[in-house]
Each structure stands twice: as structure tokens, then as C-alpha cells.
Amino acid sequence: MSLPQRSASTRASVLTDGMEKPLLDNRTYRVVRLANDLEALLIHDPDTDKASAAMDVNIGSFSDADDMPGMAHAVEHLLFMGTEKVR
């Protein structure tokens, strides 16, 4: 099965190639922006044969309005209340 060709417009642009890190950290870091404006942090570890992925949607208590502290935490609990396990 062959993968579809991608045009140049769908490639990621590198925002930073390398970051400040401890001297003993041999991993390489790169921040890229995808065509849909999603930013991703890529970490290469030459000492492992495993791969993983994680996602952060950049919301939470730091996004709470000043006049409504705790709103993100309250919404989190409302989401749990709608699950089968909680019912």
C-alpha cells in the first residue's frame, strides 16, 4: 500500500531547532508548526528503540478567567459525571 504524496504546503516549518537543556541530556529537541498551525515538540532519543506521542491542548487552570478561578477544574468534574463509570 503506498501513501499519498504530500505537497510542500502540508509540511511542517521548524520554529526552533535545539533548546536549552542539561549537559548530560543527549536527546535532540525541535519545535515545528504543522500546516494546520498545530505546534509540536519533537524529541529524539538515540538511546531507545521505542517511540511515543503525547498531546497537550494548552488549556486548564492557566486559561481560567481572573474572575472565575477553578473553572477548568469544575468543567473536568462535569465531564466525568457524564461517563458510564460515574453513573
PDB file of N, CA and C in Angstrom:
ATOM      1  N   MET A   1       0.844  -1.174   0.000  1.00  0.00           N
ATOM      2  CA  MET A   1       0.000   0.000   0.000  1.00  0.00           C
ATOM      3  C   MET A   1       0.889   1.237   0.000  1.00  0.00           C
ATOM      4  N   SER A   2       0.697   2.109  -0.940  1.00  0.00           N
ATOM      5  CA  SER A   2       1.515   3.320  -0.995  1.00  0.00           C
ATOM      6  C   SER A   2       0.774   4.481  -0.348  1.00  0.00           C
ATOM      7  N   LEU A   3       1.542   5.367   0.256  1.00  0.00           N
ATOM      8  CA  LEU A   3       0.970   6.545   0.895  1.00  0.00           C
ATOM      9  C   LEU A   3       0.804   7.656  -0.124  1.00  0.00           C
ATOM     10  N   PRO A   4      -0.204   8.503   0.051  1.00  0.00           N
ATOM     11  CA  PRO A   4      -0.386   9.606  -0.898  1.00  0.00           C
ATOM     12  C   PRO A   4       0.755  10.608  -0.807  1.00  0.00           C
ATOM     13  N   GLN A   5       1.094  11.196  -1.928  1.00  0.00           N
ATOM     14  CA  GLN A   5       2.127  12.231  -1.963  1.00  0.00           C
ATOM     15  C   GLN A   5       1.599  13.467  -1.266  1.00  0.00           C
ATOM     16  N   ARG A   6       2.475  14.161  -0.579  1.00  0.00           N
ATOM     17  CA  ARG A   6       2.086  15.397   0.087  1.00  0.00           C
ATOM     18  C   ARG A   6       2.720  16.568  -0.637  1.00  0.00           C
ATOM     19  N   SER A   7       1.969  17.636  -0.710  1.00  0.00           N
ATOM     20  CA  SER A   7       2.520  18.835  -1.340  1.00  0.00           C
ATOM     21  C   SER A   7       3.376  19.585  -0.337  1.00  0.00           C
ATOM     22  N   ALA A   8       4.157  20.528  -0.815  1.00  0.00           N
ATOM     23  CA  ALA A   8       5.028  21.310   0.052  1.00  0.00           C
ATOM     24  C   ALA A   8       4.231  22.097   1.083  1.00  0.00           C
ATOM     25  N   SER A   9       2.984  22.436   0.778  1.00  0.00           N
ATOM     26  CA  SER A   9       2.184  23.238   1.700  1.00  0.00           C
ATOM     27  C   SER A   9       1.759  22.462   2.948  1.00  0.00           C
ATOM     28  N   THR A  10       1.881  21.129   2.949  1.00  0.00           N
ATOM     29  CA  THR A  10       1.486  20.350   4.115  1.00  0.00           C
ATOM     30  C   THR A  10       2.662  20.017   5.020  1.00  0.00           C
ATOM     31  N   ARG A  11       3.821  20.457   4.688  1.00  0.00           N
ATOM     32  CA  ARG A  11       4.989  20.168   5.514  1.00  0.00           C
ATOM     33  C   ARG A  11       5.030  21.074   6.733  1.00  0.00           C
ATOM     34  N   ALA A  12       5.794  20.658   7.717  1.00  0.00           N
ATOM     35  CA  ALA A  12       5.945  21.451   8.933  1.00  0.00           C
ATOM     36  C   ALA A  12       7.074  22.451   8.765  1.00  0.00           C
ATOM     37  N   SER A  13       6.929  23.590   9.414  1.00  0.00           N
ATOM     38  CA  SER A  13       8.023  24.561   9.435  1.00  0.00           C
ATOM     39  C   SER A  13       8.679  24.500  10.808  1.00  0.00           C
ATOM     40  N   VAL A  14       9.986  24.553  10.830  1.00  0.00           N
ATOM     41  CA  VAL A  14      10.746  24.459  12.076  1.00  0.00           C
ATOM     42  C   VAL A  14      10.724  25.807  12.776  1.00  0.00           C
ATOM     43  N   LEU A  15      10.240  25.833  14.031  1.00  0.00           N
ATOM     44  CA  LEU A  15      10.224  27.061  14.817  1.00  0.00           C
ATOM     45  C   LEU A  15      11.509  27.219  15.610  1.00  0.00           C
ATOM     46  N   THR A  16      12.002  26.125  16.155  1.00  0.00           N
ATOM     47  CA  THR A  16      13.283  26.147  16.857  1.00  0.00           C
ATOM     48  C   THR A  16      13.942  24.789  16.698  1.00  0.00           C
ATOM     49  N   ASP A  17      15.208  24.806  16.478  1.00  0.00           N
ATOM     50  CA  ASP A  17      15.972  23.573  16.298  1.00  0.00           C
ATOM     51  C   ASP A  17      17.027  23.530  17.394  1.00  0.00           C
ATOM     52  N   GLY A  18      16.680  22.945  18.501  1.00  0.00           N
ATOM     53  CA  GLY A  18      17.570  22.912  19.651  1.00  0.00           C
ATOM     54  C   GLY A  18      17.029  23.794  20.756  1.00  0.00           C
ATOM     55  N   MET A  19      17.214  23.351  21.991  1.00  0.00           N
ATOM     56  CA  MET A  19      16.707  24.083  23.144  1.00  0.00           C
ATOM     57  C   MET A  19      17.757  24.038  24.241  1.00  0.00           C
ATOM     58  N   GLU A  20      17.614  24.933  25.209  1.00  0.00           N
ATOM     59  CA  GLU A  20      18.487  24.882  26.375  1.00  0.00           C
ATOM     60  C   GLU A  20      18.146  23.619  27.153  1.00  0.00           C
ATOM     61  N   LYS A  21      19.160  22.856  27.518  1.00  0.00           N
ATOM     62  CA  LYS A  21      18.936  21.588  28.205  1.00  0.00           C
ATOM     63  C   LYS A  21      20.141  21.260  29.071  1.00  0.00           C
ATOM     64  N   PRO A  22      20.005  20.320  30.001  1.00  0.00           N
ATOM     65  CA  PRO A  22      21.146  19.917  30.831  1.00  0.00           C
ATOM     66  C   PRO A  22      22.266  19.326  29.979  1.00  0.00           C
ATOM     67  N   LEU A  23      23.494  19.478  30.430  1.00  0.00           N
ATOM     68  CA  LEU A  23      24.653  18.993  29.675  1.00  0.00           C
ATOM     69  C   LEU A  23      24.614  17.485  29.447  1.00  0.00           C
ATOM     70  N   LEU A  24      24.071  16.725  30.377  1.00  0.00           N
ATOM     71  CA  LEU A  24      24.054  15.266  30.247  1.00  0.00           C
ATOM     72  C   LEU A  24      22.883  14.743  29.416  1.00  0.00           C
ATOM     73  N   ASP A  25      22.032  15.612  28.928  1.00  0.00           N
ATOM     74  CA  ASP A  25      20.881  15.220  28.104  1.00  0.00           C
ATOM     75  C   ASP A  25      21.336  15.113  26.651  1.00  0.00           C
ATOM     76  N   ASN A  26      21.394  13.883  26.115  1.00  0.00           N
ATOM     77  CA  ASN A  26      21.867  13.696  24.739  1.00  0.00           C
ATOM     78  C   ASN A  26      20.727  13.648  23.719  1.00  0.00           C
ATOM     79  N   ARG A  27      19.504  13.951  24.162  1.00  0.00           N
ATOM     80  CA  ARG A  27      18.373  13.988  23.236  1.00  0.00           C
ATOM     81  C   ARG A  27      18.404  15.283  22.430  1.00  0.00           C
ATOM     82  N   THR A  28      17.792  15.254  21.240  1.00  0.00           N
ATOM     83  CA  THR A  28      17.669  16.473  20.440  1.00  0.00           C
ATOM     84  C   THR A  28      16.206  16.897  20.434  1.00  0.00           C
ATOM     85  N   TYR A  29      15.993  18.205  20.432  1.00  0.00           N
ATOM     86  CA  TYR A  29      14.653  18.775  20.532  1.00  0.00           C
ATOM     87  C   TYR A  29      14.401  19.698  19.349  1.00  0.00           C
ATOM     88  N   ARG A  30      13.177  19.682  18.855  1.00  0.00           N
ATOM     89  CA  ARG A  30      12.788  20.566  17.750  1.00  0.00           C
ATOM     90  C   ARG A  30      11.305  20.904  17.905  1.00  0.00           C
ATOM     91  N   VAL A  31      10.978  22.179  17.751  1.00  0.00           N
ATOM     92  CA  VAL A  31       9.579  22.612  17.760  1.00  0.00           C
ATOM     93  C   VAL A  31       9.201  22.940  16.324  1.00  0.00           C
ATOM     94  N   VAL A  32       8.092  22.367  15.862  1.00  0.00           N
ATOM     95  CA  VAL A  32       7.640  22.596  14.488  1.00  0.00           C
ATOM     96  C   VAL A  32       6.199  23.090  14.500  1.00  0.00           C
ATOM     97  N   ARG A  33       5.819  23.787  13.446  1.00  0.00           N
ATOM     98  CA  ARG A  33       4.422  24.196  13.241  1.00  0.00           C
ATOM     99  C   ARG A  33       3.918  23.467  12.002  1.00  0.00           C
ATOM    100  N   LEU A  34       2.817  22.746  12.168  1.00  0.00           N
ATOM    101  CA  LEU A  34       2.227  21.999  11.068  1.00  0.00           C
ATOM    102  C   LEU A  34       1.369  22.916  10.206  1.00  0.00           C
ATOM    103  N   ALA A  35       0.931  22.416   9.081  1.00  0.00           N
ATOM    104  CA  ALA A  35       0.145  23.208   8.135  1.00  0.00           C
ATOM    105  C   ALA A  35      -1.165  23.708   8.742  1.00  0.00           C
ATOM    106  N   ASN A  36      -1.687  23.001   9.753  1.00  0.00           N
ATOM    107  CA  ASN A  36      -2.934  23.425  10.404  1.00  0.00           C
ATOM    108  C   ASN A  36      -2.670  24.321  11.618  1.00  0.00           C
ATOM    109  N   ASP A  37      -1.447  24.852  11.742  1.00  0.00           N
ATOM    110  CA  ASP A  37      -0.996  25.736  12.824  1.00  0.00           C
ATOM    111  C   ASP A  37      -0.810  25.034  14.163  1.00  0.00           C
ATOM    112  N   LEU A  38      -0.932  23.727  14.213  1.00  0.00           N
ATOM    113  CA  LEU A  38      -0.645  22.980  15.426  1.00  0.00           C
ATOM    114  C   LEU A  38       0.859  22.971  15.638  1.00  0.00           C
ATOM    115  N   GLU A  39       1.302  23.256  16.861  1.00  0.00           N
ATOM    116  CA  GLU A  39       2.726  23.214  17.170  1.00  0.00           C
ATOM    117  C   GLU A  39       3.043  21.896  17.854  1.00  0.00           C
ATOM    118  N   ALA A  40       4.188  21.322  17.518  1.00  0.00           N
ATOM    119  CA  ALA A  40       4.586  20.039  18.078  1.00  0.00           C
ATOM    120  C   ALA A  40       6.030  20.104  18.542  1.00  0.00           C
ATOM    121  N   LEU A  41       6.298  19.476  19.674  1.00  0.00           N
ATOM    122  CA  LEU A  41       7.662  19.336  20.180  1.00  0.00           C
ATOM    123  C   LEU A  41       8.128  17.933  19.828  1.00  0.00           C
ATOM    124  N   LEU A  42       9.186  17.828  19.059  1.00  0.00           N
ATOM    125  CA  LEU A  42       9.750  16.540  18.669  1.00  0.00           C
ATOM    126  C   LEU A  42      11.004  16.299  19.496  1.00  0.00           C
ATOM    127  N   ILE A  43      11.107  15.115  20.082  1.00  0.00           N
ATOM    128  CA  ILE A  43      12.267  14.762  20.895  1.00  0.00           C
ATOM    129  C   ILE A  43      12.841  13.473  20.338  1.00  0.00           C
ATOM    130  N   HIS A  44      14.126  13.500  20.004  1.00  0.00           N
ATOM    131  CA  HIS A  44      14.800  12.302  19.506  1.00  0.00           C
ATOM    132  C   HIS A  44      15.761  11.810  20.575  1.00  0.00           C
ATOM    133  N   ASP A  45      15.598  10.555  20.966  1.00  0.00           N
ATOM    134  CA  ASP A  45      16.474   9.938  21.951  1.00  0.00           C
ATOM    135  C   ASP A  45      17.228   8.807  21.269  1.00  0.00           C
ATOM    136  N   PRO A  46      18.524   8.986  21.011  1.00  0.00           N
ATOM    137  CA  PRO A  46      19.283   7.960  20.290  1.00  0.00           C
ATOM    138  C   PRO A  46      19.502   6.683  21.095  1.00  0.00           C
ATOM    139  N   ASP A  47      19.201   6.703  22.393  1.00  0.00           N
ATOM    140  CA  ASP A  47      19.448   5.541  23.244  1.00  0.00           C
ATOM    141  C   ASP A  47      18.237   4.629  23.407  1.00  0.00           C
ATOM    142  N   THR A  48      17.182   4.845  22.646  1.00  0.00           N
ATOM    143  CA  THR A  48      15.998   3.994  22.788  1.00  0.00           C
ATOM    144  C   THR A  48      15.531   3.483  21.426  1.00  0.00           C
ATOM    145  N   ASP A  49      14.861   2.353  21.451  1.00  0.00           N
ATOM    146  CA  ASP A  49      14.274   1.812  20.226  1.00  0.00           C
ATOM    147  C   ASP A  49      12.749   1.933  20.271  1.00  0.00           C
ATOM    148  N   LYS A  50      12.241   2.731  21.196  1.00  0.00           N
ATOM    149  CA  LYS A  50      10.806   2.930  21.360  1.00  0.00           C
ATOM    150  C   LYS A  50      10.399   4.304  20.838  1.00  0.00           C
ATOM    151  N   ALA A  51       9.132   4.445  20.527  1.00  0.00           N
ATOM    152  CA  ALA A  51       8.573   5.733  20.112  1.00  0.00           C
ATOM    153  C   ALA A  51       7.313   5.987  20.929  1.00  0.00           C
ATOM    154  N   SER A  52       6.993   7.238  21.134  1.00  0.00           N
ATOM    155  CA  SER A  52       5.767   7.579  21.848  1.00  0.00           C
ATOM    156  C   SER A  52       5.273   8.937  21.385  1.00  0.00           C
ATOM    157  N   ALA A  53       4.055   9.247  21.764  1.00  0.00           N
ATOM    158  CA  ALA A  53       3.466  10.539  21.418  1.00  0.00           C
ATOM    159  C   ALA A  53       2.602  10.996  22.581  1.00  0.00           C
ATOM    160  N   ALA A  54       2.503  12.294  22.746  1.00  0.00           N
ATOM    161  CA  ALA A  54       1.650  12.893  23.771  1.00  0.00           C
ATOM    162  C   ALA A  54       1.049  14.155  23.189  1.00  0.00           C
ATOM    163  N   MET A  55      -0.063  14.584  23.764  1.00  0.00           N
ATOM    164  CA  MET A  55      -0.717  15.784  23.255  1.00  0.00           C
ATOM    165  C   MET A  55      -1.114  16.680  24.416  1.00  0.00           C
ATOM    166  N   ASP A  56      -0.879  17.957  24.268  1.00  0.00           N
ATOM    167  CA  ASP A  56      -1.292  18.961  25.241  1.00  0.00           C
ATOM    168  C   ASP A  56      -2.145  19.976  24.501  1.00  0.00           C
ATOM    169  N   VAL A  57      -3.346  20.200  24.970  1.00  0.00           N
ATOM    170  CA  VAL A  57      -4.242  21.111  24.269  1.00  0.00           C
ATOM    171  C   VAL A  57      -4.169  22.537  24.809  1.00  0.00           C
ATOM    172  N   ASN A  58      -3.216  22.783  25.716  1.00  0.00           N
ATOM    173  CA  ASN A  58      -2.911  24.127  26.202  1.00  0.00           C
ATOM    174  C   ASN A  58      -4.125  24.812  26.827  1.00  0.00           C
ATOM    175  N   ILE A  59      -4.848  24.055  27.653  1.00  0.00           N
ATOM    176  CA  ILE A  59      -5.951  24.640  28.415  1.00  0.00           C
ATOM    177  C   ILE A  59      -5.840  24.144  29.842  1.00  0.00           C
ATOM    178  N   GLY A  60      -6.583  24.723  30.717  1.00  0.00           N
ATOM    179  CA  GLY A  60      -6.562  24.319  32.115  1.00  0.00           C
ATOM    180  C   GLY A  60      -6.592  25.537  33.004  1.00  0.00           C
ATOM    181  N   SER A  61      -6.073  25.389  34.211  1.00  0.00           N
ATOM    182  CA  SER A  61      -6.183  26.465  35.191  1.00  0.00           C
ATOM    183  C   SER A  61      -5.506  27.755  34.739  1.00  0.00           C
ATOM    184  N   PHE A  62      -4.465  27.659  33.931  1.00  0.00           N
ATOM    185  CA  PHE A  62      -3.817  28.875  33.434  1.00  0.00           C
ATOM    186  C   PHE A  62      -4.712  29.633  32.455  1.00  0.00           C
ATOM    187  N   SER A  63      -5.725  28.971  31.927  1.00  0.00           N
ATOM    188  CA  SER A  63      -6.653  29.623  30.999  1.00  0.00           C
ATOM    189  C   SER A  63      -7.902  30.159  31.699  1.00  0.00           C
ATOM    190  N   ASP A  64      -8.036  29.907  33.003  1.00  0.00           N
ATOM    191  CA  ASP A  64      -9.194  30.422  33.744  1.00  0.00           C
ATOM    192  C   ASP A  64      -9.216  31.943  33.708  1.00  0.00           C
ATOM    193  N   ALA A  65     -10.414  32.500  33.582  1.00  0.00           N
ATOM    194  CA  ALA A  65     -10.566  33.958  33.678  1.00  0.00           C
ATOM    195  C   ALA A  65     -10.235  34.386  35.104  1.00  0.00           C
ATOM    196  N   ASP A  66      -9.695  35.585  35.258  1.00  0.00           N
ATOM    197  CA  ASP A  66      -9.311  36.072  36.584  1.00  0.00           C
ATOM    198  C   ASP A  66     -10.483  36.092  37.559  1.00  0.00           C
ATOM    199  N   ASP A  67     -11.687  36.347  37.053  1.00  0.00           N
ATOM    200  CA  ASP A  67     -12.851  36.427  37.934  1.00  0.00           C
ATOM    201  C   ASP A  67     -13.542  35.075  38.138  1.00  0.00           C
ATOM    202  N   MET A  68     -12.976  33.982  37.557  1.00  0.00           N
ATOM    203  CA  MET A  68     -13.576  32.651  37.709  1.00  0.00           C
ATOM    204  C   MET A  68     -12.498  31.595  37.952  1.00  0.00           C
ATOM    205  N   PRO A  69     -11.696  31.734  39.000  1.00  0.00           N
ATOM    206  CA  PRO A  69     -10.666  30.722  39.255  1.00  0.00           C
ATOM    207  C   PRO A  69     -11.307  29.367  39.563  1.00  0.00           C
ATOM    208  N   GLY A  70     -10.702  28.308  39.074  1.00  0.00           N
ATOM    209  CA  GLY A  70     -11.218  26.965  39.318  1.00  0.00           C
ATOM    210  C   GLY A  70     -12.197  26.464  38.273  1.00  0.00           C
ATOM    211  N   MET A  71     -12.493  27.255  37.269  1.00  0.00           N
ATOM    212  CA  MET A  71     -13.483  26.865  36.260  1.00  0.00           C
ATOM    213  C   MET A  71     -13.028  25.620  35.491  1.00  0.00           C
ATOM    214  N   ALA A  72     -11.765  25.553  35.103  1.00  0.00           N
ATOM    215  CA  ALA A  72     -11.276  24.384  34.355  1.00  0.00           C
ATOM    216  C   ALA A  72     -11.444  23.114  35.180  1.00  0.00           C
ATOM    217  N   HIS A  73     -11.159  23.193  36.464  1.00  0.00           N
ATOM    218  CA  HIS A  73     -11.291  22.025  37.335  1.00  0.00           C
ATOM    219  C   HIS A  73     -12.761  21.622  37.480  1.00  0.00           C
ATOM    220  N   ALA A  74     -13.649  22.600  37.591  1.00  0.00           N
ATOM    221  CA  ALA A  74     -15.080  22.305  37.690  1.00  0.00           C
ATOM    222  C   ALA A  74     -15.588  21.626  36.419  1.00  0.00           C
ATOM    223  N   VAL A  75     -15.161  22.110  35.265  1.00  0.00           N
ATOM    224  CA  VAL A  75     -15.578  21.510  33.992  1.00  0.00           C
ATOM    225  C   VAL A  75     -15.042  20.086  33.874  1.00  0.00           C
ATOM    226  N   GLU A  76     -13.826  19.852  34.349  1.00  0.00           N
ATOM    227  CA  GLU A  76     -13.262  18.497  34.344  1.00  0.00           C
ATOM    228  C   GLU A  76     -14.189  17.538  35.089  1.00  0.00           C
ATOM    229  N   HIS A  77     -14.677  17.947  36.254  1.00  0.00           N
ATOM    230  CA  HIS A  77     -15.575  17.088  37.023  1.00  0.00           C
ATOM    231  C   HIS A  77     -16.922  16.911  36.337  1.00  0.00           C
ATOM    232  N   LEU A  78     -17.400  17.931  35.657  1.00  0.00           N
ATOM    233  CA  LEU A  78     -18.646  17.794  34.901  1.00  0.00           C
ATOM    234  C   LEU A  78     -18.495  16.766  33.787  1.00  0.00           C
ATOM    235  N   LEU A  79     -17.334  16.734  33.152  1.00  0.00           N
ATOM    236  CA  LEU A  79     -17.095  15.746  32.093  1.00  0.00           C
ATOM    237  C   LEU A  79     -17.142  14.334  32.652  1.00  0.00           C
ATOM    238  N   PHE A  80     -16.538  14.121  33.819  1.00  0.00           N
ATOM    239  CA  PHE A  80     -16.565  12.792  34.433  1.00  0.00           C
ATOM    240  C   PHE A  80     -17.982  12.372  34.793  1.00  0.00           C
ATOM    241  N   MET A  81     -18.813  13.320  35.201  1.00  0.00           N
ATOM    242  CA  MET A  81     -20.188  13.000  35.591  1.00  0.00           C
ATOM    243  C   MET A  81     -20.994  12.463  34.415  1.00  0.00           C
ATOM    244  N   GLY A  82     -20.584  12.742  33.200  1.00  0.00           N
ATOM    245  CA  GLY A  82     -21.300  12.271  32.024  1.00  0.00           C
ATOM    246  C   GLY A  82     -20.841  10.923  31.515  1.00  0.00           C
ATOM    247  N   THR A  83     -19.931  10.260  32.224  1.00  0.00           N
ATOM    248  CA  THR A  83     -19.427   8.968  31.757  1.00  0.00           C
ATOM    249  C   THR A  83     -20.220   7.818  32.371  1.00  0.00           C
ATOM    250  N   GLU A  84     -20.195   6.676  31.712  1.00  0.00           N
ATOM    251  CA  GLU A  84     -20.903   5.488  32.192  1.00  0.00           C
ATOM    252  C   GLU A  84     -20.384   5.046  33.555  1.00  0.00           C
ATOM    253  N   LYS A  85     -19.084   5.159  33.785  1.00  0.00           N
ATOM    254  CA  LYS A  85     -18.487   4.678  35.028  1.00  0.00           C
ATOM    255  C   LYS A  85     -19.031   5.441  36.239  1.00  0.00           C
ATOM    256  N   VAL A  86     -19.309   6.725  36.070  1.00  0.00           N
ATOM    257  CA  VAL A  86     -19.767   7.556  37.184  1.00  0.00           C
ATOM    258  C   VAL A  86     -21.255   7.391  37.432  1.00  0.00           C
ATOM    259  N   ARG A  87     -22.007   7.068  36.411  1.00  0.00           N
ATOM    260  CA  ARG A  87     -23.476   6.964  36.561  1.00  0.00           C
ATOM    261  C   ARG A  87     -23.886   5.866  37.481  1.00  0.00           C
TER     262      ARG A  87
END
